[in-house]
Amino acid sequence: MSFVYNADPERGREWQRLFAQRAPDIDFRLWPDIGSAEEVRYLGTWAPVEDLARFPNLEVVFSLGAGVDQFDLGSIPSHVPLVRMQESGIVATMQEYVAMAVLALHRNLVDYIAQQRSETWQALRVRPASQCRVGILGLGQLGAAVAQHLTGLGFACQGWSRTRRQLEDVACFAGGDELPRFLSTSQVLVCLMPLTAETRGILNAKLFTQLPRGASLINVGRGLHLVAADLLAALDSGQLSAAVLDVFDPEPPPVDHPLWHHPSVLITPHIASMTQPESAIERVLDNIARHREGREMVGVVDRQRGY
């Protein structure tokens, strides 16, 4: 029985070492050295793998990231479950990043960076976090964790999801009818939605006009959530005051893309959260044990919903 790892080779060697310690009965293989394809039962991959039919005994595909929108679900045999990564390392690093971004916007870091470049010394008013309402668009595992982390920092938090959620100290909205009310009071909007046909391009001019004037945006979902031209127009009109962007389409954006140089935009290279080998392997090995025992695995993708 073999597990094939198909992602960053350096981290793959760390996975190999940890597998040898914790699951010596599983033959761990680093792509492209897959050995006998007939022996492969489990595949861990970030990017889609072409021609999965070459693995006739494949039983589970593990996504090595939190998202699965990069996969063509139709290319994965219907009897092979796709499992997204749900592990504490991804959650913790996303909480850290969004807290950093919210604080940067709340404490006017974008303005102070511009002032430094122009050699301007001007203090801006400091307001308590409780007067800043952060809206989390998407209350899945990551969105819920981020919302609760921000409440711990004193921010007023609210969240929106397709179906109803209940979170302590977080005002929860659900469904299309409640989206406008949620947006109307979100001073900082954080996108943490899965990318589906319904959410593609959701960060657009129509949505931006429903936010309070001067609101700001943090996109840590997917690049295809955002209509870049609409964001630029909203920033230039003053409808939005700033944006922190970690994801793009394509990645990286073209060298001449106006977002690179916009004074109200902070850009990071898709690093908001990263799978941590120690905790990720615990999750994968737990799911392999569940699968071998006939129990339900954690994080199985619903192919109808796409996540």
Protein backbone atom coordinates (compact mmCIF):
# COMPACT_ATOMS: atom_id res chain seq x y z
CA MET A 1 0.00 0.00 0.00
CA SER A 2 1.50 3.32 -1.11
CA PHE A 3 0.92 7.03 -0.53
CA VAL A 4 2.15 9.35 -3.29
CA TYR A 5 2.99 12.98 -2.44
CA ASN A 6 2.78 15.49 -5.31
CA ALA A 7 3.66 19.02 -4.20
CA ASP A 8 6.68 21.05 -3.09
CA PRO A 9 9.66 18.63 -3.03
CA GLU A 10 11.34 20.25 -0.02
CA ARG A 11 8.24 19.92 2.14
CA GLY A 12 7.72 16.50 0.61
CA ARG A 13 10.97 15.30 2.15
CA GLU A 14 9.69 16.48 5.53
CA TRP A 15 6.47 14.54 4.93
CA GLN A 16 8.58 11.51 4.02
CA ARG A 17 10.50 11.72 7.30
CA LEU A 18 7.33 12.10 9.36
CA PHE A 19 5.58 9.25 7.54
CA ALA A 20 8.55 7.00 8.28
CA GLN A 21 8.23 7.85 11.97
CA ARG A 22 4.46 7.68 12.35
CA ALA A 23 3.27 5.27 9.64
CA PRO A 24 6.14 2.95 8.69
CA ASP A 25 3.65 0.45 7.27
CA ILE A 26 2.72 2.89 4.48
CA ASP A 27 5.11 3.08 1.54
CA PHE A 28 5.61 6.84 1.04
CA ARG A 29 6.63 7.96 -2.45
CA LEU A 30 7.65 11.40 -3.75
CA TRP A 31 6.38 12.42 -7.17
CA PRO A 32 7.46 11.65 -9.87
CA ASP A 33 8.97 8.48 -8.39
CA ILE A 34 5.62 6.72 -7.98
CA GLY A 35 6.96 3.19 -8.30
CA SER A 36 4.33 0.61 -9.20
CA ALA A 37 1.10 2.46 -9.99
CA GLU A 38 -0.93 -0.62 -9.04
CA GLU A 39 0.27 -0.28 -5.43
CA VAL A 40 -0.87 3.33 -5.01
CA ARG A 41 -3.91 3.60 -2.75
CA TYR A 42 -3.64 7.23 -1.61
CA LEU A 43 -2.59 10.38 -3.48
CA GLY A 44 -1.79 13.68 -1.76
CA THR A 45 -1.54 16.55 -4.22
CA TRP A 46 -1.87 20.30 -4.53
CA ALA A 47 -2.33 20.39 -8.31
CA PRO A 48 -4.59 18.12 -10.36
CA VAL A 49 -2.91 14.96 -11.64
CA GLU A 50 -3.68 13.99 -15.21
CA ASP A 51 -4.81 10.48 -16.09
CA LEU A 52 -5.74 9.11 -12.68
CA ALA A 53 -6.72 5.95 -14.51
CA ARG A 54 -3.04 4.98 -14.36
CA PHE A 55 -3.69 4.22 -10.66
CA PRO A 56 -6.22 1.38 -10.94
CA ASN A 57 -6.38 0.81 -7.18
CA LEU A 58 -6.52 4.45 -6.07
CA GLU A 59 -8.89 4.84 -3.11
CA VAL A 60 -8.59 8.49 -1.91
CA VAL A 61 -7.25 11.80 -3.26
CA PHE A 62 -6.15 14.23 -0.56
CA SER A 63 -5.94 17.92 -1.41
CA LEU A 64 -2.86 19.35 0.28
CA GLY A 65 -4.52 22.75 0.61
CA ALA A 66 -7.74 24.05 2.10
CA GLY A 67 -9.30 24.74 -1.30
CA VAL A 68 -10.27 22.28 -4.02
CA ASP A 69 -11.36 24.61 -6.82
CA GLN A 70 -8.17 23.75 -8.74
CA PHE A 71 -9.50 20.22 -9.29
CA ASP A 72 -11.77 19.12 -12.13
CA LEU A 73 -14.10 16.94 -10.07
CA GLY A 74 -15.28 15.21 -13.22
CA SER A 75 -11.76 13.86 -13.83
CA ILE A 76 -11.67 12.07 -10.46
CA PRO A 77 -13.44 8.69 -10.60
CA SER A 78 -16.79 8.84 -8.84
CA HIS A 79 -15.82 6.06 -6.42
CA VAL A 80 -12.67 7.95 -5.29
CA PRO A 81 -13.41 10.61 -2.65
CA LEU A 82 -11.59 13.95 -2.76
CA VAL A 83 -10.71 15.15 0.75
CA ARG A 84 -9.80 18.77 1.43
CA MET A 85 -7.19 19.63 4.04
CA GLN A 86 -8.65 20.59 7.39
CA GLU A 87 -5.80 20.93 9.84
CA SER A 88 -4.85 23.27 12.65
CA GLY A 89 -1.81 24.74 10.90
CA ILE A 90 -3.88 26.16 8.04
CA VAL A 91 -6.38 27.59 10.52
CA ALA A 92 -3.75 29.23 12.75
CA THR A 93 -1.83 30.85 9.90
CA MET A 94 -5.04 32.19 8.34
CA GLN A 95 -6.09 33.65 11.69
CA GLU A 96 -2.70 35.37 11.96
CA TYR A 97 -2.81 36.79 8.44
CA VAL A 98 -6.34 38.16 8.62
CA ALA A 99 -5.65 39.67 12.06
CA MET A 100 -2.55 41.34 10.59
CA ALA A 101 -4.52 42.66 7.61
CA VAL A 102 -7.48 43.90 9.68
CA LEU A 103 -5.17 45.65 12.12
CA ALA A 104 -3.21 47.20 9.25
CA LEU A 105 -6.42 48.64 7.82
CA HIS A 106 -7.89 49.62 11.18
CA ARG A 107 -4.70 51.38 12.31
CA ASN A 108 -4.19 53.16 8.95
CA LEU A 109 -1.00 51.37 7.93
CA VAL A 110 -1.75 51.92 4.23
CA ASP A 111 -1.92 55.67 4.87
CA TYR A 112 1.25 55.67 6.93
CA ILE A 113 3.17 53.79 4.23
CA ALA A 114 2.10 56.49 1.76
CA GLN A 115 3.08 59.20 4.24
CA GLN A 116 6.52 57.67 4.75
CA ARG A 117 7.13 57.64 1.01
CA SER A 118 6.20 61.32 0.80
CA GLU A 119 8.12 62.20 3.99
CA THR A 120 4.90 63.30 5.68
CA TRP A 121 4.49 63.27 9.47
CA GLN A 122 0.79 63.36 10.31
CA ALA A 123 -1.02 61.48 13.05
CA LEU A 124 -4.41 59.99 12.20
CA ARG A 125 -7.13 59.44 14.75
CA VAL A 126 -7.00 56.15 16.64
CA ARG A 127 -10.31 54.41 17.25
CA PRO A 128 -10.92 51.34 19.43
CA ALA A 129 -11.34 48.00 17.70
CA SER A 130 -14.88 47.75 19.05
CA GLN A 131 -15.87 50.58 16.72
CA CYS A 132 -14.72 48.64 13.66
CA ARG A 133 -17.16 46.07 12.30
CA VAL A 134 -15.51 43.27 10.33
CA GLY A 135 -17.65 41.18 7.99
CA ILE A 136 -16.50 37.67 7.10
CA LEU A 137 -17.86 36.52 3.75
CA GLY A 138 -17.92 32.74 4.19
CA LEU A 139 -18.24 30.99 7.55
CA GLY A 140 -16.68 27.61 6.84
CA GLN A 141 -13.90 26.22 8.98
CA LEU A 142 -11.52 29.08 8.20
CA GLY A 143 -14.10 31.87 8.22
CA ALA A 144 -15.56 30.82 11.56
CA ALA A 145 -12.10 30.53 13.12
CA VAL A 146 -11.07 33.95 11.80
CA ALA A 147 -14.27 35.58 13.08
CA GLN A 148 -13.83 34.19 16.57
CA HIS A 149 -10.15 35.17 16.62
CA LEU A 150 -10.99 38.75 15.70
CA THR A 151 -13.61 39.01 18.42
CA GLY A 152 -10.84 38.09 20.84
CA LEU A 153 -8.95 41.16 19.64
CA GLY A 154 -11.95 43.33 20.41
CA PHE A 155 -13.39 43.76 16.90
CA ALA A 156 -17.12 43.65 16.30
CA CYS A 157 -17.56 40.69 13.95
CA GLN A 158 -20.32 39.46 11.72
CA GLY A 159 -20.39 36.72 9.14
CA TRP A 160 -22.38 35.62 6.11
CA SER A 161 -22.79 32.10 4.76
CA ARG A 162 -25.02 30.30 2.31
CA THR A 163 -26.65 28.35 5.13
CA ARG A 164 -27.24 29.44 8.71
CA ARG A 165 -24.39 29.27 11.22
CA GLN A 166 -24.31 30.08 14.92
CA LEU A 167 -21.08 31.43 16.44
CA GLU A 168 -20.55 32.91 19.88
CA ASP A 169 -20.22 36.72 19.83
CA VAL A 170 -20.55 36.80 16.01
CA ALA A 171 -23.66 38.14 14.30
CA CYS A 172 -24.50 35.56 11.64
CA PHE A 173 -26.36 36.23 8.38
CA ALA A 174 -27.40 33.65 5.81
CA GLY A 175 -28.79 33.43 2.30
CA GLY A 176 -29.24 35.93 -0.48
CA ASP A 177 -31.96 37.89 1.28
CA GLU A 178 -29.68 38.76 4.21
CA LEU A 179 -26.54 39.56 2.18
CA PRO A 180 -27.37 43.27 1.59
CA ARG A 181 -27.93 43.89 5.31
CA PHE A 182 -24.67 42.12 6.13
CA LEU A 183 -22.75 44.19 3.59
CA SER A 184 -24.30 47.50 4.64
CA THR A 185 -22.54 47.42 8.01
CA SER A 186 -19.26 45.67 7.11
CA GLN A 187 -16.54 48.29 7.41
CA VAL A 188 -13.83 45.73 6.64
CA LEU A 189 -14.93 42.89 4.37
CA VAL A 190 -12.94 39.64 4.42
CA CYS A 191 -13.56 37.15 1.61
CA LEU A 192 -13.07 33.55 2.73
CA MET A 193 -15.57 31.83 0.46
CA PRO A 194 -14.92 28.69 -1.56
CA LEU A 195 -14.66 29.32 -5.29
CA THR A 196 -17.68 27.94 -7.12
CA ALA A 197 -19.64 28.94 -10.20
CA GLU A 198 -21.92 30.97 -7.91
CA THR A 199 -19.12 32.85 -6.11
CA ARG A 200 -16.89 33.57 -9.12
CA GLY A 201 -16.69 37.36 -9.52
CA ILE A 202 -18.70 38.03 -6.35
CA LEU A 203 -16.37 40.88 -5.35
CA ASN A 204 -17.70 43.24 -7.98
CA ALA A 205 -19.10 46.74 -8.41
CA LYS A 206 -22.59 45.74 -7.27
CA LEU A 207 -21.25 44.30 -4.03
CA PHE A 208 -18.88 47.23 -3.39
CA THR A 209 -21.73 49.77 -3.65
CA GLN A 210 -23.53 47.92 -0.83
CA LEU A 211 -20.65 48.42 1.61
CA PRO A 212 -20.39 51.58 3.73
CA ARG A 213 -18.52 54.32 1.88
CA GLY A 214 -14.85 54.15 2.79
CA ALA A 215 -14.96 50.44 3.64
CA SER A 216 -11.96 48.22 2.92
CA LEU A 217 -11.46 44.75 1.47
CA ILE A 218 -9.30 41.74 2.35
CA ASN A 219 -9.32 38.91 -0.20
CA VAL A 220 -7.87 35.63 1.05
CA GLY A 221 -10.30 33.46 -0.89
CA ARG A 222 -9.37 33.04 -4.55
CA GLY A 223 -8.28 35.46 -7.24
CA LEU A 224 -11.34 34.68 -9.36
CA HIS A 225 -13.62 35.99 -6.61
CA LEU A 226 -12.46 39.50 -7.50
CA VAL A 227 -13.26 41.66 -10.50
CA ALA A 228 -10.07 43.73 -10.45
CA ALA A 229 -11.39 46.54 -12.67
CA ASP A 230 -14.34 47.02 -10.31
CA LEU A 231 -12.03 47.16 -7.30
CA LEU A 232 -9.84 49.80 -8.95
CA ALA A 233 -12.90 51.88 -9.80
CA ALA A 234 -14.21 51.58 -6.24
CA LEU A 235 -10.86 52.64 -4.81
CA ASP A 236 -10.51 55.59 -7.18
CA SER A 237 -14.04 56.80 -6.41
CA GLY A 238 -13.55 56.57 -2.65
CA GLN A 239 -16.26 53.93 -2.23
CA LEU A 240 -13.47 51.72 -0.90
CA SER A 241 -10.51 53.15 0.99
CA ALA A 242 -8.03 50.28 0.80
CA ALA A 243 -7.54 46.61 -0.02
CA VAL A 244 -5.24 43.81 1.13
CA LEU A 245 -4.96 41.12 -1.55
CA ASP A 246 -3.28 37.74 -1.12
CA VAL A 247 -4.75 35.92 -4.13
CA PHE A 248 -4.92 36.73 -7.83
CA ASP A 249 -5.74 35.26 -11.21
CA PRO A 250 -3.27 34.71 -12.70
CA GLU A 251 -0.59 34.43 -10.03
CA PRO A 252 1.48 36.50 -10.00
CA PRO A 253 -0.47 39.31 -11.70
CA PRO A 254 1.12 40.71 -14.87
CA VAL A 255 3.98 43.14 -14.26
CA ASP A 256 1.97 46.03 -15.70
CA HIS A 257 -1.17 45.35 -13.64
CA PRO A 258 -2.33 48.60 -11.96
CA LEU A 259 -2.91 46.85 -8.63
CA TRP A 260 0.87 46.49 -8.20
CA HIS A 261 1.29 50.24 -7.90
CA HIS A 262 -2.01 51.46 -6.47
CA PRO A 263 -1.28 53.48 -3.32
CA SER A 264 -4.28 51.99 -1.46
CA VAL A 265 -3.45 48.33 -2.10
CA LEU A 266 -1.20 45.96 -0.16
CA ILE A 267 -0.20 42.75 -1.98
CA THR A 268 1.18 39.48 -0.62
CA PRO A 269 2.07 36.39 -2.73
CA HIS A 270 -0.62 33.86 -1.71
CA ILE A 271 0.89 33.19 1.71
CA ALA A 272 -2.07 33.85 4.02
CA SER A 273 -2.16 30.24 5.16
CA MET A 274 0.07 27.26 4.53
CA THR A 275 -0.30 23.59 5.34
CA GLN A 276 2.02 22.67 8.21
CA PRO A 277 3.54 19.19 7.75
CA GLU A 278 3.30 18.13 11.42
CA SER A 279 -0.40 18.83 11.82
CA ALA A 280 -1.30 18.00 8.21
CA ILE A 281 0.15 14.50 8.50
CA GLU A 282 -1.84 13.90 11.68
CA ARG A 283 -5.01 14.76 9.76
CA VAL A 284 -4.09 12.64 6.74
CA LEU A 285 -3.13 9.62 8.84
CA ASP A 286 -6.33 9.96 10.86
CA ASN A 287 -8.36 9.98 7.65
CA ILE A 288 -6.46 6.99 6.26
CA ALA A 289 -7.23 5.11 9.49
CA ARG A 290 -10.89 6.12 9.20
CA HIS A 291 -10.99 4.96 5.60
CA ARG A 292 -9.39 1.60 6.36
CA GLU A 293 -11.85 1.05 9.20
CA GLY A 294 -14.87 2.00 7.12
CA ARG A 295 -15.56 5.20 9.09
CA GLU A 296 -16.43 8.61 7.64
CA MET A 297 -13.42 10.75 6.76
CA VAL A 298 -13.14 14.43 7.74
CA GLY A 299 -13.29 16.95 4.90
CA VAL A 300 -14.79 14.85 2.10
CA VAL A 301 -15.81 17.17 -0.75
CA ASP A 302 -19.48 17.30 -1.71
CA ARG A 303 -19.27 17.09 -5.48
CA GLN A 304 -22.64 18.76 -5.97
CA ARG A 305 -21.65 21.82 -3.94
CA GLY A 306 -18.04 21.82 -5.15
CA TYR A 307 -16.47 22.04 -1.69
